Amino acid sequence: MTRPVMELRDFRRLSMEPGGRTRVAFHIPTDLFSFTGIDYRRVVEPGTIEVMLGRSSADIRLRVEIVLTGGVRVVGEGRALVSTSEVDLL
């Protein structure tokens, strides 16, 4: 199954003063990394996910790798498909 090169999973628009600092935490459920397999079931596969943060897809400022472990998991009813975020001004 061919997957997109990049997929938007969450975003948060911030207004900051020049030189300002803030902390943003994104909570992304594993179910958001699921896709429809060749057998038409929605699954999450183990492997490495690269999470990128930036101003846009062309202006990435931070890259983090997350490793999903375990076996292939079928995602059924009750799946979590909404991410959340928190902002703390420093």
PDB file of N, CA and C in Angstrom:
ATOM      1  N   MET A   1       0.849  -1.177   0.000  1.00  0.00           N
ATOM      2  CA  MET A   1       0.000   0.000   0.000  1.00  0.00           C
ATOM      3  C   MET A   1       0.890   1.234   0.000  1.00  0.00           C
ATOM      4  N   THR A   2       0.697   2.121  -0.942  1.00  0.00           N
ATOM      5  CA  THR A   2       1.484   3.345  -1.020  1.00  0.00           C
ATOM      6  C   THR A   2       0.880   4.396  -0.107  1.00  0.00           C
ATOM      7  N   ARG A   3       1.712   4.973   0.719  1.00  0.00           N
ATOM      8  CA  ARG A   3       1.270   6.004   1.655  1.00  0.00           C
ATOM      9  C   ARG A   3       1.785   7.362   1.195  1.00  0.00           C
ATOM     10  N   PRO A   4       1.104   8.447   1.569  1.00  0.00           N
ATOM     11  CA  PRO A   4       1.597   9.792   1.225  1.00  0.00           C
ATOM     12  C   PRO A   4       2.955  10.059   1.866  1.00  0.00           C
ATOM     13  N   VAL A   5       3.722  10.941   1.276  1.00  0.00           N
ATOM     14  CA  VAL A   5       5.029  11.319   1.815  1.00  0.00           C
ATOM     15  C   VAL A   5       4.851  12.056   3.138  1.00  0.00           C
ATOM     16  N   MET A   6       3.853  12.937   3.224  1.00  0.00           N
ATOM     17  CA  MET A   6       3.544  13.688   4.446  1.00  0.00           C
ATOM     18  C   MET A   6       2.039  13.707   4.639  1.00  0.00           C
ATOM     19  N   GLU A   7       1.633  13.706   5.916  1.00  0.00           N
ATOM     20  CA  GLU A   7       0.225  13.829   6.255  1.00  0.00           C
ATOM     21  C   GLU A   7       0.100  14.786   7.440  1.00  0.00           C
ATOM     22  N   LEU A   8      -0.807  15.752   7.347  1.00  0.00           N
ATOM     23  CA  LEU A   8      -1.054  16.672   8.453  1.00  0.00           C
ATOM     24  C   LEU A   8      -1.905  15.966   9.495  1.00  0.00           C
ATOM     25  N   ARG A   9      -1.411  15.898  10.723  1.00  0.00           N
ATOM     26  CA  ARG A   9      -2.132  15.216  11.802  1.00  0.00           C
ATOM     27  C   ARG A   9      -2.673  16.193  12.836  1.00  0.00           C
ATOM     28  N   ASP A  10      -2.062  17.359  12.967  1.00  0.00           N
ATOM     29  CA  ASP A  10      -2.551  18.380  13.883  1.00  0.00           C
ATOM     30  C   ASP A  10      -1.837  19.679  13.562  1.00  0.00           C
ATOM     31  N   PHE A  11      -2.420  20.778  13.964  1.00  0.00           N
ATOM     32  CA  PHE A  11      -1.741  22.059  13.855  1.00  0.00           C
ATOM     33  C   PHE A  11      -2.265  22.969  14.944  1.00  0.00           C
ATOM     34  N   ARG A  12      -1.479  23.938  15.261  1.00  0.00           N
ATOM     35  CA  ARG A  12      -1.866  24.942  16.253  1.00  0.00           C
ATOM     36  C   ARG A  12      -1.290  26.267  15.804  1.00  0.00           C
ATOM     37  N   ARG A  13      -2.127  27.272  15.622  1.00  0.00           N
ATOM     38  CA  ARG A  13      -1.655  28.596  15.221  1.00  0.00           C
ATOM     39  C   ARG A  13      -1.295  29.374  16.484  1.00  0.00           C
ATOM     40  N   LEU A  14      -0.095  29.947  16.494  1.00  0.00           N
ATOM     41  CA  LEU A  14       0.380  30.710  17.647  1.00  0.00           C
ATOM     42  C   LEU A  14       0.774  32.108  17.215  1.00  0.00           C
ATOM     43  N   SER A  15       0.456  33.077  18.048  1.00  0.00           N
ATOM     44  CA  SER A  15       0.927  34.452  17.848  1.00  0.00           C
ATOM     45  C   SER A  15       1.922  34.731  18.967  1.00  0.00           C
ATOM     46  N   MET A  16       3.139  35.099  18.569  1.00  0.00           N
ATOM     47  CA  MET A  16       4.185  35.337  19.561  1.00  0.00           C
ATOM     48  C   MET A  16       4.926  36.613  19.228  1.00  0.00           C
ATOM     49  N   GLU A  17       5.437  37.233  20.258  1.00  0.00           N
ATOM     50  CA  GLU A  17       6.297  38.397  20.085  1.00  0.00           C
ATOM     51  C   GLU A  17       7.677  37.914  19.617  1.00  0.00           C
ATOM     52  N   PRO A  18       8.425  38.745  18.895  1.00  0.00           N
ATOM     53  CA  PRO A  18       9.782  38.362  18.513  1.00  0.00           C
ATOM     54  C   PRO A  18      10.600  38.003  19.755  1.00  0.00           C
ATOM     55  N   GLY A  19      11.296  36.878  19.704  1.00  0.00           N
ATOM     56  CA  GLY A  19      12.106  36.417  20.826  1.00  0.00           C
ATOM     57  C   GLY A  19      11.300  35.717  21.900  1.00  0.00           C
ATOM     58  N   GLY A  20       9.968  35.639  21.735  1.00  0.00           N
ATOM     59  CA  GLY A  20       9.112  34.985  22.725  1.00  0.00           C
ATOM     60  C   GLY A  20       9.310  33.473  22.720  1.00  0.00           C
ATOM     61  N   ARG A  21       8.937  32.854  23.834  1.00  0.00           N
ATOM     62  CA  ARG A  21       9.065  31.399  23.959  1.00  0.00           C
ATOM     63  C   ARG A  21       7.738  30.819  24.422  1.00  0.00           C
ATOM     64  N   THR A  22       7.473  29.628  23.976  1.00  0.00           N
ATOM     65  CA  THR A  22       6.277  28.914  24.414  1.00  0.00           C
ATOM     66  C   THR A  22       6.541  27.419  24.323  1.00  0.00           C
ATOM     67  N   ARG A  23       5.741  26.674  25.028  1.00  0.00           N
ATOM     68  CA  ARG A  23       5.837  25.212  24.971  1.00  0.00           C
ATOM     69  C   ARG A  23       4.500  24.696  24.427  1.00  0.00           C
ATOM     70  N   VAL A  24       4.578  23.846  23.417  1.00  0.00           N
ATOM     71  CA  VAL A  24       3.379  23.258  22.827  1.00  0.00           C
ATOM     72  C   VAL A  24       3.501  21.748  22.935  1.00  0.00           C
ATOM     73  N   ALA A  25       2.465  21.099  23.454  1.00  0.00           N
ATOM     74  CA  ALA A  25       2.443  19.637  23.560  1.00  0.00           C
ATOM     75  C   ALA A  25       1.309  19.112  22.685  1.00  0.00           C
ATOM     76  N   PHE A  26       1.640  18.210  21.784  1.00  0.00           N
ATOM     77  CA  PHE A  26       0.645  17.567  20.934  1.00  0.00           C
ATOM     78  C   PHE A  26       0.418  16.149  21.440  1.00  0.00           C
ATOM     79  N   HIS A  27      -0.823  15.760  21.563  1.00  0.00           N
ATOM     80  CA  HIS A  27      -1.197  14.406  21.973  1.00  0.00           C
ATOM     81  C   HIS A  27      -1.859  13.754  20.759  1.00  0.00           C
ATOM     82  N   ILE A  28      -1.116  12.858  20.113  1.00  0.00           N
ATOM     83  CA  ILE A  28      -1.585  12.242  18.864  1.00  0.00           C
ATOM     84  C   ILE A  28      -1.832  10.760  19.117  1.00  0.00           C
ATOM     85  N   PRO A  29      -3.097  10.319  19.099  1.00  0.00           N
ATOM     86  CA  PRO A  29      -3.391   8.898  19.318  1.00  0.00           C
ATOM     87  C   PRO A  29      -2.771   8.037  18.213  1.00  0.00           C
ATOM     88  N   THR A  30      -2.337   6.870  18.576  1.00  0.00           N
ATOM     89  CA  THR A  30      -1.750   5.941  17.606  1.00  0.00           C
ATOM     90  C   THR A  30      -2.715   5.649  16.462  1.00  0.00           C
ATOM     91  N   ASP A  31      -4.016   5.652  16.749  1.00  0.00           N
ATOM     92  CA  ASP A  31      -5.009   5.372  15.703  1.00  0.00           C
ATOM     93  C   ASP A  31      -4.907   6.344  14.531  1.00  0.00           C
ATOM     94  N   LEU A  32      -4.385   7.552  14.760  1.00  0.00           N
ATOM     95  CA  LEU A  32      -4.237   8.511  13.669  1.00  0.00           C
ATOM     96  C   LEU A  32      -3.163   8.093  12.662  1.00  0.00           C
ATOM     97  N   PHE A  33      -2.339   7.122  13.012  1.00  0.00           N
ATOM     98  CA  PHE A  33      -1.334   6.611  12.080  1.00  0.00           C
ATOM     99  C   PHE A  33      -1.854   5.393  11.311  1.00  0.00           C
ATOM    100  N   SER A  34      -3.144   5.105  11.457  1.00  0.00           N
ATOM    101  CA  SER A  34      -3.717   3.940  10.773  1.00  0.00           C
ATOM    102  C   SER A  34      -3.972   4.249   9.302  1.00  0.00           C
ATOM    103  N   PHE A  35      -4.116   3.195   8.537  1.00  0.00           N
ATOM    104  CA  PHE A  35      -4.445   3.312   7.116  1.00  0.00           C
ATOM    105  C   PHE A  35      -5.237   2.079   6.703  1.00  0.00           C
ATOM    106  N   THR A  36      -5.887   2.157   5.564  1.00  0.00           N
ATOM    107  CA  THR A  36      -6.655   1.032   5.057  1.00  0.00           C
ATOM    108  C   THR A  36      -5.722   0.117   4.280  1.00  0.00           C
ATOM    109  N   GLY A  37      -5.603  -1.126   4.745  1.00  0.00           N
ATOM    110  CA  GLY A  37      -4.719  -2.094   4.114  1.00  0.00           C
ATOM    111  C   GLY A  37      -5.333  -2.706   2.864  1.00  0.00           C
ATOM    112  N   ILE A  38      -4.589  -3.607   2.228  1.00  0.00           N
ATOM    113  CA  ILE A  38      -5.066  -4.224   0.984  1.00  0.00           C
ATOM    114  C   ILE A  38      -6.294  -5.100   1.215  1.00  0.00           C
ATOM    115  N   ASP A  39      -6.537  -5.496   2.467  1.00  0.00           N
ATOM    116  CA  ASP A  39      -7.734  -6.283   2.782  1.00  0.00           C
ATOM    117  C   ASP A  39      -8.887  -5.388   3.248  1.00  0.00           C
ATOM    118  N   TYR A  40      -8.762  -4.060   3.062  1.00  0.00           N
ATOM    119  CA  TYR A  40      -9.782  -3.057   3.386  1.00  0.00           C
ATOM    120  C   TYR A  40     -10.050  -2.925   4.883  1.00  0.00           C
ATOM    121  N   ARG A  41      -9.132  -3.400   5.708  1.00  0.00           N
ATOM    122  CA  ARG A  41      -9.251  -3.193   7.152  1.00  0.00           C
ATOM    123  C   ARG A  41      -8.339  -2.037   7.537  1.00  0.00           C
ATOM    124  N   ARG A  42      -8.789  -1.241   8.494  1.00  0.00           N
ATOM    125  CA  ARG A  42      -7.997  -0.121   8.991  1.00  0.00           C
ATOM    126  C   ARG A  42      -7.013  -0.664  10.026  1.00  0.00           C
ATOM    127  N   VAL A  43      -5.714  -0.459   9.794  1.00  0.00           N
ATOM    128  CA  VAL A  43      -4.689  -1.037  10.660  1.00  0.00           C
ATOM    129  C   VAL A  43      -3.621  -0.010  11.029  1.00  0.00           C
ATOM    130  N   VAL A  44      -2.944  -0.298  12.152  1.00  0.00           N
ATOM    131  CA  VAL A  44      -1.743   0.434  12.551  1.00  0.00           C
ATOM    132  C   VAL A  44      -0.616  -0.586  12.520  1.00  0.00           C
ATOM    133  N   GLU A  45       0.437  -0.287  11.784  1.00  0.00           N
ATOM    134  CA  GLU A  45       1.579  -1.195  11.680  1.00  0.00           C
ATOM    135  C   GLU A  45       2.725  -0.687  12.544  1.00  0.00           C
ATOM    136  N   PRO A  46       3.531  -1.616  13.084  1.00  0.00           N
ATOM    137  CA  PRO A  46       4.724  -1.187  13.815  1.00  0.00           C
ATOM    138  C   PRO A  46       5.720  -0.556  12.849  1.00  0.00           C
ATOM    139  N   GLY A  47       6.560   0.286  13.384  1.00  0.00           N
ATOM    140  CA  GLY A  47       7.578   0.920  12.556  1.00  0.00           C
ATOM    141  C   GLY A  47       7.914   2.303  13.081  1.00  0.00           C
ATOM    142  N   THR A  48       8.712   3.014  12.323  1.00  0.00           N
ATOM    143  CA  THR A  48       9.167   4.340  12.713  1.00  0.00           C
ATOM    144  C   THR A  48       8.320   5.404  12.029  1.00  0.00           C
ATOM    145  N   ILE A  49       7.833   6.346  12.818  1.00  0.00           N
ATOM    146  CA  ILE A  49       7.062   7.480  12.315  1.00  0.00           C
ATOM    147  C   ILE A  49       7.911   8.727  12.542  1.00  0.00           C
ATOM    148  N   GLU A  50       8.073   9.536  11.514  1.00  0.00           N
ATOM    149  CA  GLU A  50       8.784  10.799  11.675  1.00  0.00           C
ATOM    150  C   GLU A  50       7.757  11.907  11.871  1.00  0.00           C
ATOM    151  N   VAL A  51       7.819  12.569  13.015  1.00  0.00           N
ATOM    152  CA  VAL A  51       6.933  13.689  13.322  1.00  0.00           C
ATOM    153  C   VAL A  51       7.723  14.965  13.063  1.00  0.00           C
ATOM    154  N   MET A  52       7.123  15.864  12.292  1.00  0.00           N
ATOM    155  CA  MET A  52       7.800  17.105  11.923  1.00  0.00           C
ATOM    156  C   MET A  52       6.980  18.296  12.398  1.00  0.00           C
ATOM    157  N   LEU A  53       7.664  19.306  12.903  1.00  0.00           N
ATOM    158  CA  LEU A  53       7.019  20.541  13.322  1.00  0.00           C
ATOM    159  C   LEU A  53       7.631  21.684  12.543  1.00  0.00           C
ATOM    160  N   GLY A  54       6.790  22.601  12.114  1.00  0.00           N
ATOM    161  CA  GLY A  54       7.304  23.732  11.366  1.00  0.00           C
ATOM    162  C   GLY A  54       6.236  24.751  11.066  1.00  0.00           C
ATOM    163  N   ARG A  55       6.634  25.774  10.376  1.00  0.00           N
ATOM    164  CA  ARG A  55       5.702  26.822   9.956  1.00  0.00           C
ATOM    165  C   ARG A  55       4.826  26.348   8.805  1.00  0.00           C
ATOM    166  N   SER A  56       5.355  25.434   8.009  1.00  0.00           N
ATOM    167  CA  SER A  56       4.622  24.851   6.885  1.00  0.00           C
ATOM    168  C   SER A  56       5.358  23.574   6.491  1.00  0.00           C
ATOM    169  N   SER A  57       4.814  22.838   5.543  1.00  0.00           N
ATOM    170  CA  SER A  57       5.486  21.617   5.088  1.00  0.00           C
ATOM    171  C   SER A  57       6.801  21.926   4.385  1.00  0.00           C
ATOM    172  N   ALA A  58       6.958  23.160   3.927  1.00  0.00           N
ATOM    173  CA  ALA A  58       8.195  23.574   3.271  1.00  0.00           C
ATOM    174  C   ALA A  58       9.180  24.218   4.247  1.00  0.00           C
ATOM    175  N   ASP A  59       8.762  24.420   5.507  1.00  0.00           N
ATOM    176  CA  ASP A  59       9.602  25.102   6.493  1.00  0.00           C
ATOM    177  C   ASP A  59       9.597  24.312   7.809  1.00  0.00           C
ATOM    178  N   ILE A  60      10.159  23.115   7.772  1.00  0.00           N
ATOM    179  CA  ILE A  60      10.203  22.229   8.934  1.00  0.00           C
ATOM    180  C   ILE A  60      11.316  22.685   9.867  1.00  0.00           C
ATOM    181  N   ARG A  61      10.994  22.839  11.169  1.00  0.00           N
ATOM    182  CA  ARG A  61      11.961  23.315  12.155  1.00  0.00           C
ATOM    183  C   ARG A  61      12.456  22.222  13.096  1.00  0.00           C
ATOM    184  N   LEU A  62      11.682  21.143  13.241  1.00  0.00           N
ATOM    185  CA  LEU A  62      12.044  20.083  14.178  1.00  0.00           C
ATOM    186  C   LEU A  62      11.542  18.750  13.643  1.00  0.00           C
ATOM    187  N   ARG A  63      12.384  17.716  13.756  1.00  0.00           N
ATOM    188  CA  ARG A  63      12.008  16.355  13.350  1.00  0.00           C
ATOM    189  C   ARG A  63      12.275  15.415  14.521  1.00  0.00           C
ATOM    190  N   VAL A  64      11.299  14.560  14.808  1.00  0.00           N
ATOM    191  CA  VAL A  64      11.409  13.593  15.894  1.00  0.00           C
ATOM    192  C   VAL A  64      10.920  12.246  15.376  1.00  0.00           C
ATOM    193  N   GLU A  65      11.654  11.181  15.690  1.00  0.00           N
ATOM    194  CA  GLU A  65      11.216   9.838  15.299  1.00  0.00           C
ATOM    195  C   GLU A  65      10.528   9.155  16.469  1.00  0.00           C
ATOM    196  N   ILE A  66       9.393   8.547  16.199  1.00  0.00           N
ATOM    197  CA  ILE A  66       8.635   7.773  17.183  1.00  0.00           C
ATOM    198  C   ILE A  66       8.581   6.346  16.667  1.00  0.00           C
ATOM    199  N   VAL A  67       8.873   5.385  17.523  1.00  0.00           N
ATOM    200  CA  VAL A  67       8.853   3.978  17.115  1.00  0.00           C
ATOM    201  C   VAL A  67       7.603   3.311  17.679  1.00  0.00           C
ATOM    202  N   LEU A  68       6.753   2.796  16.787  1.00  0.00           N
ATOM    203  CA  LEU A  68       5.581   2.033  17.194  1.00  0.00           C
ATOM    204  C   LEU A  68       5.991   0.573  17.281  1.00  0.00           C
ATOM    205  N   THR A  69       5.733  -0.067  18.420  1.00  0.00           N
ATOM    206  CA  THR A  69       6.140  -1.453  18.627  1.00  0.00           C
ATOM    207  C   THR A  69       4.922  -2.354  18.712  1.00  0.00           C
ATOM    208  N   GLY A  70       5.159  -3.652  18.690  1.00  0.00           N
ATOM    209  CA  GLY A  70       4.080  -4.634  18.754  1.00  0.00           C
ATOM    210  C   GLY A  70       3.711  -5.115  17.370  1.00  0.00           C
ATOM    211  N   GLY A  71       2.634  -5.861  17.307  1.00  0.00           N
ATOM    212  CA  GLY A  71       2.181  -6.386  16.026  1.00  0.00           C
ATOM    213  C   GLY A  71       1.239  -5.432  15.317  1.00  0.00           C
ATOM    214  N   VAL A  72       0.780  -5.867  14.152  1.00  0.00           N
ATOM    215  CA  VAL A  72      -0.214  -5.095  13.410  1.00  0.00           C
ATOM    216  C   VAL A  72      -1.503  -5.098  14.225  1.00  0.00           C
ATOM    217  N   ARG A  73      -2.100  -3.925  14.383  1.00  0.00           N
ATOM    218  CA  ARG A  73      -3.331  -3.808  15.172  1.00  0.00           C
ATOM    219  C   ARG A  73      -4.455  -3.320  14.277  1.00  0.00           C
ATOM    220  N   VAL A  74      -5.567  -4.048  14.294  1.00  0.00           N
ATOM    221  CA  VAL A  74      -6.748  -3.630  13.546  1.00  0.00           C
ATOM    222  C   VAL A  74      -7.470  -2.566  14.367  1.00  0.00           C
ATOM    223  N   VAL A  75      -7.791  -1.459  13.716  1.00  0.00           N
ATOM    224  CA  VAL A  75      -8.470  -0.350  14.372  1.00  0.00           C
ATOM    225  C   VAL A  75      -9.957  -0.474  14.063  1.00  0.00           C
ATOM    226  N   GLY A  76     -10.762  -0.628  15.104  1.00  0.00           N
ATOM    227  CA  GLY A  76     -12.193  -0.813  14.912  1.00  0.00           C
ATOM    228  C   GLY A  76     -12.998   0.337  15.471  1.00  0.00           C
ATOM    229  N   GLU A  77     -14.225   0.009  15.868  1.00  0.00           N
ATOM    230  CA  GLU A  77     -15.094   1.016  16.466  1.00  0.00           C
ATOM    231  C   GLU A  77     -14.442   1.568  17.723  1.00  0.00           C
ATOM    232  N   GLY A  78     -14.754   2.804  18.036  1.00  0.00           N
ATOM    233  CA  GLY A  78     -14.173   3.440  19.217  1.00  0.00           C
ATOM    234  C   GLY A  78     -12.769   3.951  18.991  1.00  0.00           C
ATOM    235  N   ARG A  79     -12.325   3.959  17.745  1.00  0.00           N
ATOM    236  CA  ARG A  79     -10.966   4.434  17.466  1.00  0.00           C
ATOM    237  C   ARG A  79     -10.837   5.916  17.789  1.00  0.00           C
ATOM    238  N   ALA A  80      -9.651   6.320  18.179  1.00  0.00           N
ATOM    239  CA  ALA A  80      -9.361   7.713  18.536  1.00  0.00           C
ATOM    240  C   ALA A  80      -8.762   8.415  17.330  1.00  0.00           C
ATOM    241  N   LEU A  81      -9.513   9.302  16.707  1.00  0.00           N
ATOM    242  CA  LEU A  81      -9.056   9.966  15.496  1.00  0.00           C
ATOM    243  C   LEU A  81      -8.946  11.482  15.637  1.00  0.00           C
ATOM    244  N   VAL A  82      -8.867  11.948  16.885  1.00  0.00           N
ATOM    245  CA  VAL A  82      -8.738  13.384  17.130  1.00  0.00           C
ATOM    246  C   VAL A  82      -7.524  13.616  18.028  1.00  0.00           C
ATOM    247  N   SER A  83      -6.648  14.504  17.594  1.00  0.00           N
ATOM    248  CA  SER A  83      -5.500  14.867  18.427  1.00  0.00           C
ATOM    249  C   SER A  83      -5.830  16.134  19.204  1.00  0.00           C
ATOM    250  N   THR A  84      -5.075  16.374  20.248  1.00  0.00           N
ATOM    251  CA  THR A  84      -5.258  17.583  21.067  1.00  0.00           C
ATOM    252  C   THR A  84      -3.907  18.244  21.257  1.00  0.00           C
ATOM    253  N   SER A  85      -3.948  19.486  21.676  1.00  0.00           N
ATOM    254  CA  SER A  85      -2.697  20.195  21.946  1.00  0.00           C
ATOM    255  C   SER A  85      -2.885  21.127  23.140  1.00  0.00           C
ATOM    256  N   GLU A  86      -1.776  21.422  23.796  1.00  0.00           N
ATOM    257  CA  GLU A  86      -1.754  22.335  24.937  1.00  0.00           C
ATOM    258  C   GLU A  86      -0.643  23.350  24.717  1.00  0.00           C
ATOM    259  N   VAL A  87      -0.903  24.597  25.099  1.00  0.00           N
ATOM    260  CA  VAL A  87       0.098  25.658  24.949  1.00  0.00           C
ATOM    261  C   VAL A  87       0.378  26.268  26.304  1.00  0.00           C
ATOM    262  N   ASP A  88       1.669  26.373  26.662  1.00  0.00           N
ATOM    263  CA  ASP A  88       2.106  27.029  27.895  1.00  0.00           C
ATOM    264  C   ASP A  88       3.045  28.159  27.498  1.00  0.00           C
ATOM    265  N   LEU A  89       2.663  29.371  27.791  1.00  0.00           N
ATOM    266  CA  LEU A  89       3.546  30.492  27.517  1.00  0.00           C
ATOM    267  C   LEU A  89       4.639  30.523  28.570  1.00  0.00           C
ATOM    268  N   LEU A  90       5.887  30.700  28.147  1.00  0.00           N
ATOM    269  CA  LEU A  90       7.031  30.700  29.071  1.00  0.00           C
ATOM    270  C   LEU A  90       7.478  32.117  29.364  1.00  0.00           C
TER     271      LEU A  90
END
